[in-house]
PDB file of N, CA and C in Angstrom:
ATOM      1  N   MET A   1     247.171 212.109-127.758  1.00  0.00           N
ATOM      2  CA  MET A   1     247.183 211.058-126.760  1.00  0.00           C
ATOM      3  C   MET A   1     247.277 211.688-125.382  1.00  0.00           C
ATOM      4  N   ILE A   2     246.492 211.140-124.459  1.00  0.00           N
ATOM      5  CA  ILE A   2     246.456 211.640-123.095  1.00  0.00           C
ATOM      6  C   ILE A   2     246.863 210.511-122.161  1.00  0.00           C
ATOM      7  N   THR A   3     247.828 210.773-121.276  1.00  0.00           N
ATOM      8  CA  THR A   3     248.226 209.786-120.283  1.00  0.00           C
ATOM      9  C   THR A   3     248.353 210.469-118.928  1.00  0.00           C
ATOM     10  N   LEU A   4     248.210 209.667-117.881  1.00  0.00           N
ATOM     11  CA  LEU A   4     248.355 210.173-116.519  1.00  0.00           C
ATOM     12  C   LEU A   4     249.214 209.178-115.761  1.00  0.00           C
ATOM     13  N   THR A   5     250.354 209.629-115.240  1.00  0.00           N
ATOM     14  CA  THR A   5     251.257 208.760-114.496  1.00  0.00           C
ATOM     15  C   THR A   5     251.493 209.343-113.106  1.00  0.00           C
ATOM     16  N   THR A   6     251.936 208.487-112.187  1.00  0.00           N
ATOM     17  CA  THR A   6     252.183 208.890-110.810  1.00  0.00           C
ATOM     18  C   THR A   6     253.673 208.885-110.542  1.00  0.00           C
ATOM     19  N   THR A   7     254.160 209.952-109.906  1.00  0.00           N
ATOM     20  CA  THR A   7     255.551 210.024-109.483  1.00  0.00           C
ATOM     21  C   THR A   7     255.618 210.718-108.123  1.00  0.00           C
ATOM     22  N   SER A   8     255.925 209.982-107.094  1.00  0.00           N
ATOM     23  CA  SER A   8     256.137 210.486-105.731  1.00  0.00           C
ATOM     24  C   SER A   8     255.146 211.576-105.310  1.00  0.00           C
ATOM     25  N   ASN A   9     253.904 211.177-105.103  1.00  0.00           N
ATOM     26  CA  ASN A   9     252.821 212.059-104.646  1.00  0.00           C
ATOM     27  C   ASN A   9     252.446 213.152-105.641  1.00  0.00           C
ATOM     28  N   LYS A  10     252.884 213.051-106.851  1.00  0.00           N
ATOM     29  CA  LYS A  10     252.503 213.979-107.917  1.00  0.00           C
ATOM     30  C   LYS A  10     251.961 213.157-109.074  1.00  0.00           C
ATOM     31  N   TYR A  11     251.133 213.795-109.840  1.00  0.00           N
ATOM     32  CA  TYR A  11     250.548 213.153-111.021  1.00  0.00           C
ATOM     33  C   TYR A  11     250.955 213.957-112.242  1.00  0.00           C
ATOM     34  N   LEU A  12     251.427 213.269-113.243  1.00  0.00           N
ATOM     35  CA  LEU A  12     251.879 213.921-114.466  1.00  0.00           C
ATOM     36  C   LEU A  12     250.870 213.643-115.572  1.00  0.00           C
ATOM     37  N   LEU A  13     250.183 214.685-116.005  1.00  0.00           N
ATOM     38  CA  LEU A  13     249.217 214.597-117.088  1.00  0.00           C
ATOM     39  C   LEU A  13     249.920 215.010-118.373  1.00  0.00           C
ATOM     40  N   LYS A  14     250.023 214.067-119.306  1.00  0.00           N
ATOM     41  CA  LYS A  14     250.603 214.357-120.616  1.00  0.00           C
ATOM     42  C   LYS A  14     249.444 214.510-121.581  1.00  0.00           C
ATOM     43  N   PHE A  15     249.267 215.721-122.033  1.00  0.00           N
ATOM     44  CA  PHE A  15     248.162 216.061-122.917  1.00  0.00           C
ATOM     45  C   PHE A  15     248.754 216.517-124.239  1.00  0.00           C
ATOM     46  N   TYR A  16     248.876 215.563-125.168  1.00  0.00           N
ATOM     47  CA  TYR A  16     249.524 215.795-126.457  1.00  0.00           C
ATOM     48  C   TYR A  16     250.917 216.358-126.240  1.00  0.00           C
ATOM     49  N   HIS A  17     251.178 217.591-126.532  1.00  0.00           N
ATOM     50  CA  HIS A  17     252.531 218.141-126.407  1.00  0.00           C
ATOM     51  C   HIS A  17     252.756 218.843-125.068  1.00  0.00           C
ATOM     52  N   LYS A  18     251.754 218.915-124.222  1.00  0.00           N
ATOM     53  CA  LYS A  18     251.846 219.633-122.946  1.00  0.00           C
ATOM     54  C   LYS A  18     251.931 218.651-121.790  1.00  0.00           C
ATOM     55  N   GLN A  19     252.768 218.974-120.784  1.00  0.00           N
ATOM     56  CA  GLN A  19     252.844 218.184-119.569  1.00  0.00           C
ATOM     57  C   GLN A  19     252.465 219.062-118.390  1.00  0.00           C
ATOM     58  N   VAL A  20     251.545 218.562-117.565  1.00  0.00           N
ATOM     59  CA  VAL A  20     251.060 219.310-116.413  1.00  0.00           C
ATOM     60  C   VAL A  20     251.268 218.449-115.173  1.00  0.00           C
ATOM     61  N   THR A  21     251.943 219.006-114.156  1.00  0.00           N
ATOM     62  CA  THR A  21     252.133 218.304-112.896  1.00  0.00           C
ATOM     63  C   THR A  21     250.995 218.672-111.955  1.00  0.00           C
ATOM     64  N   LEU A  22     250.317 217.649-111.426  1.00  0.00           N
ATOM     65  CA  LEU A  22     249.150 217.837-110.571  1.00  0.00           C
ATOM     66  C   LEU A  22     249.420 217.291-109.174  1.00  0.00           C
ATOM     67  N   THR A  23     248.935 217.991-108.166  1.00  0.00           N
ATOM     68  CA  THR A  23     248.875 217.422-106.828  1.00  0.00           C
ATOM     69  C   THR A  23     247.592 216.599-106.747  1.00  0.00           C
ATOM     70  N   PHE A  24     247.406 215.900-105.636  1.00  0.00           N
ATOM     71  CA  PHE A  24     246.186 215.105-105.509  1.00  0.00           C
ATOM     72  C   PHE A  24     244.956 216.013-105.495  1.00  0.00           C
ATOM     73  N   CYS A  25     245.065 217.169-104.852  1.00  0.00           N
ATOM     74  CA  CYS A  25     243.942 218.120-104.831  1.00  0.00           C
ATOM     75  C   CYS A  25     243.622 218.622-106.237  1.00  0.00           C
ATOM     76  N   ASN A  26     244.661 218.893-107.034  1.00  0.00           N
ATOM     77  CA  ASN A  26     244.452 219.307-108.419  1.00  0.00           C
ATOM     78  C   ASN A  26     243.782 218.188-109.224  1.00  0.00           C
ATOM     79  N   LEU A  27     244.186 216.949-108.946  1.00  0.00           N
ATOM     80  CA  LEU A  27     243.607 215.799-109.637  1.00  0.00           C
ATOM     81  C   LEU A  27     242.123 215.657-109.297  1.00  0.00           C
ATOM     82  N   LEU A  28     241.764 215.844-108.019  1.00  0.00           N
ATOM     83  CA  LEU A  28     240.359 215.798-107.624  1.00  0.00           C
ATOM     84  C   LEU A  28     239.549 216.902-108.298  1.00  0.00           C
ATOM     85  N   ALA A  29     240.122 218.092-108.361  1.00  0.00           N
ATOM     86  CA  ALA A  29     239.431 219.206-109.021  1.00  0.00           C
ATOM     87  C   ALA A  29     239.244 218.921-110.508  1.00  0.00           C
ATOM     88  N   LEU A  30     240.257 218.346-111.141  1.00  0.00           N
ATOM     89  CA  LEU A  30     240.148 217.983-112.557  1.00  0.00           C
ATOM     90  C   LEU A  30     239.072 216.923-112.752  1.00  0.00           C
ATOM     91  N   ARG A  31     239.028 215.939-111.867  1.00  0.00           N
ATOM     92  CA  ARG A  31     237.996 214.897-111.951  1.00  0.00           C
ATOM     93  C   ARG A  31     236.603 215.506-111.847  1.00  0.00           C
ATOM     94  N   ASN A  32     236.412 216.422-110.900  1.00  0.00           N
ATOM     95  CA  ASN A  32     235.102 217.057-110.745  1.00  0.00           C
ATOM     96  C   ASN A  32     234.734 217.875-111.975  1.00  0.00           C
ATOM     97  N   THR A  33     235.697 218.561-112.551  1.00  0.00           N
ATOM     98  CA  THR A  33     235.446 219.353-113.759  1.00  0.00           C
ATOM     99  C   THR A  33     235.070 218.454-114.928  1.00  0.00           C
ATOM    100  N   ILE A  34     235.811 217.371-115.105  1.00  0.00           N
ATOM    101  CA  ILE A  34     235.542 216.441-116.204  1.00  0.00           C
ATOM    102  C   ILE A  34     234.181 215.767-116.020  1.00  0.00           C
ATOM    103  N   ASN A  35     233.873 215.368-114.789  1.00  0.00           N
ATOM    104  CA  ASN A  35     232.587 214.704-114.539  1.00  0.00           C
ATOM    105  C   ASN A  35     231.407 215.653-114.697  1.00  0.00           C
ATOM    106  N   ALA A  36     231.628 216.946-114.551  1.00  0.00           N
ATOM    107  CA  ALA A  36     230.545 217.922-114.689  1.00  0.00           C
ATOM    108  C   ALA A  36     230.204 218.216-116.150  1.00  0.00           C
ATOM    109  N   ILE A  37     231.042 217.792-117.067  1.00  0.00           N
ATOM    110  CA  ILE A  37     230.789 218.039-118.490  1.00  0.00           C
ATOM    111  C   ILE A  37     229.685 217.100-118.975  1.00  0.00           C
ATOM    112  N   ASN A  38     228.660 217.675-119.552  1.00  0.00           N
ATOM    113  CA  ASN A  38     227.562 216.889-120.116  1.00  0.00           C
ATOM    114  C   ASN A  38     227.952 216.489-121.540  1.00  0.00           C
ATOM    115  N   ILE A  39     228.398 215.257-121.688  1.00  0.00           N
ATOM    116  CA  ILE A  39     228.901 214.794-122.983  1.00  0.00           C
ATOM    117  C   ILE A  39     227.789 214.705-124.020  1.00  0.00           C
ATOM    118  N   GLU A  40     226.563 214.482-123.583  1.00  0.00           N
ATOM    119  CA  GLU A  40     225.451 214.388-124.527  1.00  0.00           C
ATOM    120  C   GLU A  40     225.205 215.711-125.243  1.00  0.00           C
ATOM    121  N   SER A  41     225.510 216.820-124.589  1.00  0.00           N
ATOM    122  CA  SER A  41     225.302 218.121-125.216  1.00  0.00           C
ATOM    123  C   SER A  41     226.256 218.341-126.391  1.00  0.00           C
ATOM    124  N   HIS A  42     227.339 217.584-126.451  1.00  0.00           N
ATOM    125  CA  HIS A  42     228.286 217.704-127.567  1.00  0.00           C
ATOM    126  C   HIS A  42     227.673 217.264-128.892  1.00  0.00           C
ATOM    127  N   PHE A  43     226.596 216.492-128.810  1.00  0.00           N
ATOM    128  CA  PHE A  43     226.003 215.940-130.021  1.00  0.00           C
ATOM    129  C   PHE A  43     224.760 216.699-130.473  1.00  0.00           C
ATOM    130  N   TYR A  44     224.389 217.719-129.729  1.00  0.00           N
ATOM    131  CA  TYR A  44     223.247 218.536-130.114  1.00  0.00           C
ATOM    132  C   TYR A  44     223.680 219.639-131.070  1.00  0.00           C
ATOM    133  N   GLU A  45     222.764 220.048-131.885  1.00  0.00           N
ATOM    134  CA  GLU A  45     223.034 221.128-132.833  1.00  0.00           C
ATOM    135  C   GLU A  45     223.319 222.416-132.063  1.00  0.00           C
ATOM    136  N   GLY A  46     224.298 223.133-132.475  1.00  0.00           N
ATOM    137  CA  GLY A  46     224.640 224.392-131.837  1.00  0.00           C
ATOM    138  C   GLY A  46     225.788 224.278-130.843  1.00  0.00           C
ATOM    139  N   HIS A  47     226.226 223.063-130.506  1.00  0.00           N
ATOM    140  CA  HIS A  47     227.372 222.904-129.605  1.00  0.00           C
ATOM    141  C   HIS A  47     228.611 222.678-130.455  1.00  0.00           C
ATOM    142  N   SER A  48     229.692 223.334-130.097  1.00  0.00           N
ATOM    143  CA  SER A  48     230.914 223.252-130.897  1.00  0.00           C
ATOM    144  C   SER A  48     231.656 221.934-130.717  1.00  0.00           C
ATOM    145  N   GLY A  49     231.365 221.196-129.648  1.00  0.00           N
ATOM    146  CA  GLY A  49     232.098 219.959-129.397  1.00  0.00           C
ATOM    147  C   GLY A  49     233.452 220.206-128.761  1.00  0.00           C
ATOM    148  N   VAL A  50     233.656 221.402-128.252  1.00  0.00           N
ATOM    149  CA  VAL A  50     234.937 221.777-127.656  1.00  0.00           C
ATOM    150  C   VAL A  50     234.688 222.277-126.238  1.00  0.00           C
ATOM    151  N   GLU A  51     235.552 221.860-125.309  1.00  0.00           N
ATOM    152  CA  GLU A  51     235.497 222.317-123.921  1.00  0.00           C
ATOM    153  C   GLU A  51     236.824 222.983-123.577  1.00  0.00           C
ATOM    154  N   LEU A  52     236.746 224.058-122.856  1.00  0.00           N
ATOM    155  CA  LEU A  52     237.928 224.785-122.380  1.00  0.00           C
ATOM    156  C   LEU A  52     237.916 224.691-120.865  1.00  0.00           C
ATOM    157  N   ILE A  53     238.914 223.999-120.293  1.00  0.00           N
ATOM    158  CA  ILE A  53     238.943 223.842-118.843  1.00  0.00           C
ATOM    159  C   ILE A  53     240.271 224.338-118.292  1.00  0.00           C
ATOM    160  N   SER A  54     240.209 224.829-117.066  1.00  0.00           N
ATOM    161  CA  SER A  54     241.427 225.282-116.397  1.00  0.00           C
ATOM    162  C   SER A  54     241.899 224.200-115.440  1.00  0.00           C
ATOM    163  N   VAL A  55     243.197 224.127-115.275  1.00  0.00           N
ATOM    164  CA  VAL A  55     243.815 223.127-114.415  1.00  0.00           C
ATOM    165  C   VAL A  55     244.818 223.840-113.505  1.00  0.00           C
ATOM    166  N   CYS A  56     244.999 223.336-112.311  1.00  0.00           N
ATOM    167  CA  CYS A  56     245.992 223.861-111.363  1.00  0.00           C
ATOM    168  C   CYS A  56     245.748 225.326-111.040  1.00  0.00           C
ATOM    169  N   ASN A  57     244.537 225.646-110.621  1.00  0.00           N
ATOM    170  CA  ASN A  57     244.196 227.013-110.213  1.00  0.00           C
ATOM    171  C   ASN A  57     244.515 228.040-111.295  1.00  0.00           C
ATOM    172  N   LEU A  58     244.059 227.754-112.492  1.00  0.00           N
ATOM    173  CA  LEU A  58     244.197 228.632-113.667  1.00  0.00           C
ATOM    174  C   LEU A  58     245.631 228.788-114.169  1.00  0.00           C
ATOM    175  N   LYS A  59     246.531 227.926-113.751  1.00  0.00           N
ATOM    176  CA  LYS A  59     247.903 227.979-114.262  1.00  0.00           C
ATOM    177  C   LYS A  59     248.006 227.373-115.653  1.00  0.00           C
ATOM    178  N   GLU A  60     247.121 226.433-115.936  1.00  0.00           N
ATOM    179  CA  GLU A  60     247.112 225.763-117.234  1.00  0.00           C
ATOM    180  C   GLU A  60     245.690 225.752-117.784  1.00  0.00           C
ATOM    181  N   ILE A  61     245.580 225.814-119.091  1.00  0.00           N
ATOM    182  CA  ILE A  61     244.298 225.744-119.785  1.00  0.00           C
ATOM    183  C   ILE A  61     244.388 224.588-120.783  1.00  0.00           C
ATOM    184  N   LEU A  62     243.350 223.751-120.799  1.00  0.00           N
ATOM    185  CA  LEU A  62     243.289 222.645-121.749  1.00  0.00           C
ATOM    186  C   LEU A  62     242.098 222.833-122.674  1.00  0.00           C
ATOM    187  N   LEU A  63     242.318 222.635-123.942  1.00  0.00           N
ATOM    188  CA  LEU A  63     241.270 222.700-124.960  1.00  0.00           C
ATOM    189  C   LEU A  63     240.957 221.261-125.358  1.00  0.00           C
ATOM    190  N   LEU A  64     239.757 220.812-125.022  1.00  0.00           N
ATOM    191  CA  LEU A  64     239.378 219.418-125.228  1.00  0.00           C
ATOM    192  C   LEU A  64     238.275 219.299-126.264  1.00  0.00           C
ATOM    193  N   ASP A  65     238.439 218.360-127.186  1.00  0.00           N
ATOM    194  CA  ASP A  65     237.317 218.045-128.064  1.00  0.00           C
ATOM    195  C   ASP A  65     236.547 216.875-127.447  1.00  0.00           C
ATOM    196  N   THR A  66     235.523 216.420-128.094  1.00  0.00           N
ATOM    197  CA  THR A  66     234.651 215.385-127.535  1.00  0.00           C
ATOM    198  C   THR A  66     235.425 214.110-127.219  1.00  0.00           C
ATOM    199  N   LEU A  67     236.305 213.681-128.102  1.00  0.00           N
ATOM    200  CA  LEU A  67     237.073 212.459-127.863  1.00  0.00           C
ATOM    201  C   LEU A  67     238.018 212.612-126.678  1.00  0.00           C
ATOM    202  N   ASP A  68     238.607 213.797-126.504  1.00  0.00           N
ATOM    203  CA  ASP A  68     239.476 214.051-125.361  1.00  0.00           C
ATOM    204  C   ASP A  68     238.697 213.986-124.051  1.00  0.00           C
ATOM    205  N   VAL A  69     237.487 214.539-124.053  1.00  0.00           N
ATOM    206  CA  VAL A  69     236.646 214.494-122.854  1.00  0.00           C
ATOM    207  C   VAL A  69     236.316 213.047-122.503  1.00  0.00           C
ATOM    208  N   LEU A  70     235.954 212.257-123.496  1.00  0.00           N
ATOM    209  CA  LEU A  70     235.647 210.847-123.252  1.00  0.00           C
ATOM    210  C   LEU A  70     236.857 210.096-122.719  1.00  0.00           C
ATOM    211  N   GLU A  71     238.037 210.367-123.269  1.00  0.00           N
ATOM    212  CA  GLU A  71     239.259 209.701-122.819  1.00  0.00           C
ATOM    213  C   GLU A  71     239.604 210.098-121.382  1.00  0.00           C
ATOM    214  N   LEU A  72     239.474 211.380-121.053  1.00  0.00           N
ATOM    215  CA  LEU A  72     239.742 211.813-119.687  1.00  0.00           C
ATOM    216  C   LEU A  72     238.731 211.242-118.698  1.00  0.00           C
ATOM    217  N   LYS A  73     237.470 211.134-119.100  1.00  0.00           N
ATOM    218  CA  LYS A  73     236.471 210.503-118.231  1.00  0.00           C
ATOM    219  C   LYS A  73     236.857 209.051-117.955  1.00  0.00           C
ATOM    220  N   LYS A  74     237.316 208.354-118.979  1.00  0.00           N
ATOM    221  CA  LYS A  74     237.734 206.967-118.826  1.00  0.00           C
ATOM    222  C   LYS A  74     238.948 206.852-117.896  1.00  0.00           C
ATOM    223  N   ILE A  75     239.911 207.743-118.047  1.00  0.00           N
ATOM    224  CA  ILE A  75     241.109 207.742-117.188  1.00  0.00           C
ATOM    225  C   ILE A  75     240.718 208.016-115.740  1.00  0.00           C
ATOM    226  N   MET A  76     239.871 209.015-115.519  1.00  0.00           N
ATOM    227  CA  MET A  76     239.447 209.360-114.151  1.00  0.00           C
ATOM    228  C   MET A  76     238.662 208.219-113.513  1.00  0.00           C
ATOM    229  N   ASP A  77     237.804 207.560-114.297  1.00  0.00           N
ATOM    230  CA  ASP A  77     237.055 206.427-113.768  1.00  0.00           C
ATOM    231  C   ASP A  77     237.986 205.280-113.375  1.00  0.00           C
ATOM    232  N   SER A  78     239.024 205.056-114.160  1.00  0.00           N
ATOM    233  CA  SER A  78     239.951 203.962-113.845  1.00  0.00           C
ATOM    234  C   SER A  78     240.775 204.270-112.590  1.00  0.00           C
ATOM    235  N   ILE A  79     241.055 205.543-112.345  1.00  0.00           N
ATOM    236  CA  ILE A  79     241.837 205.910-111.160  1.00  0.00           C
ATOM    237  C   ILE A  79     240.987 205.831-109.897  1.00  0.00           C
ATOM    238  N   PHE A  80     239.772 206.336-109.959  1.00  0.00           N
ATOM    239  CA  PHE A  80     238.963 206.489-108.763  1.00  0.00           C
ATOM    240  C   PHE A  80     237.929 205.379-108.546  1.00  0.00           C
ATOM    241  N   SER A  81     237.868 204.403-109.424  1.00  0.00           N
ATOM    242  CA  SER A  81     236.922 203.308-109.209  1.00  0.00           C
ATOM    243  C   SER A  81     237.565 202.267-108.294  1.00  0.00           C
ATOM    244  N   PRO A  82     236.767 201.635-107.442  1.00  0.00           N
ATOM    245  CA  PRO A  82     237.329 200.629-106.523  1.00  0.00           C
ATOM    246  C   PRO A  82     237.837 199.418-107.302  1.00  0.00           C
ATOM    247  N   LYS A  83     238.924 198.898-106.853  1.00  0.00           N
ATOM    248  CA  LYS A  83     239.522 197.718-107.478  1.00  0.00           C
ATOM    249  C   LYS A  83     239.070 196.470-106.725  1.00  0.00           C
ATOM    250  N   LYS A  84     238.835 195.419-107.467  1.00  0.00           N
ATOM    251  CA  LYS A  84     238.445 194.160-106.833  1.00  0.00           C
ATOM    252  C   LYS A  84     239.683 193.485-106.255  1.00  0.00           C
ATOM    253  N   GLU A  85     239.524 192.997-105.048  1.00  0.00           N
ATOM    254  CA  GLU A  85     240.617 192.263-104.416  1.00  0.00           C
ATOM    255  C   GLU A  85     240.459 190.781-104.708  1.00  0.00           C
ATOM    256  N   LEU A  86     241.576 190.156-105.017  1.00  0.00           N
ATOM    257  CA  LEU A  86     241.556 188.722-105.250  1.00  0.00           C
ATOM    258  C   LEU A  86     241.779 188.002-103.933  1.00  0.00           C
ATOM    259  N   VAL A  87     240.912 187.082-103.610  1.00  0.00           N
ATOM    260  CA  VAL A  87     241.029 186.298-102.373  1.00  0.00           C
ATOM    261  C   VAL A  87     241.415 184.887-102.764  1.00  0.00           C
ATOM    262  N   TYR A  88     242.504 184.427-102.159  1.00  0.00           N
ATOM    263  CA  TYR A  88     242.977 183.069-102.471  1.00  0.00           C
ATOM    264  C   TYR A  88     242.653 182.145-101.333  1.00  0.00           C
TER     265      TYR A  88
END
């Protein structure tokens, strides 16, 4: 299970048994890394379905399978997508 929570200008990424504290700049870098992954290539013959990415300037390494990549893409999209404002 992967979760991302906010605590006083820091972001806490809980990745299974590992917890990584991210600054906003680290979060942007992670978003760019996740968005650069071509998920369609995971389904072609010869691809292992595993991605190895570094986080926080190589302080942490995450090993992601296809489902983890999809979940992180969904989390990043929910954080950085514009929210609709309700007008009353």
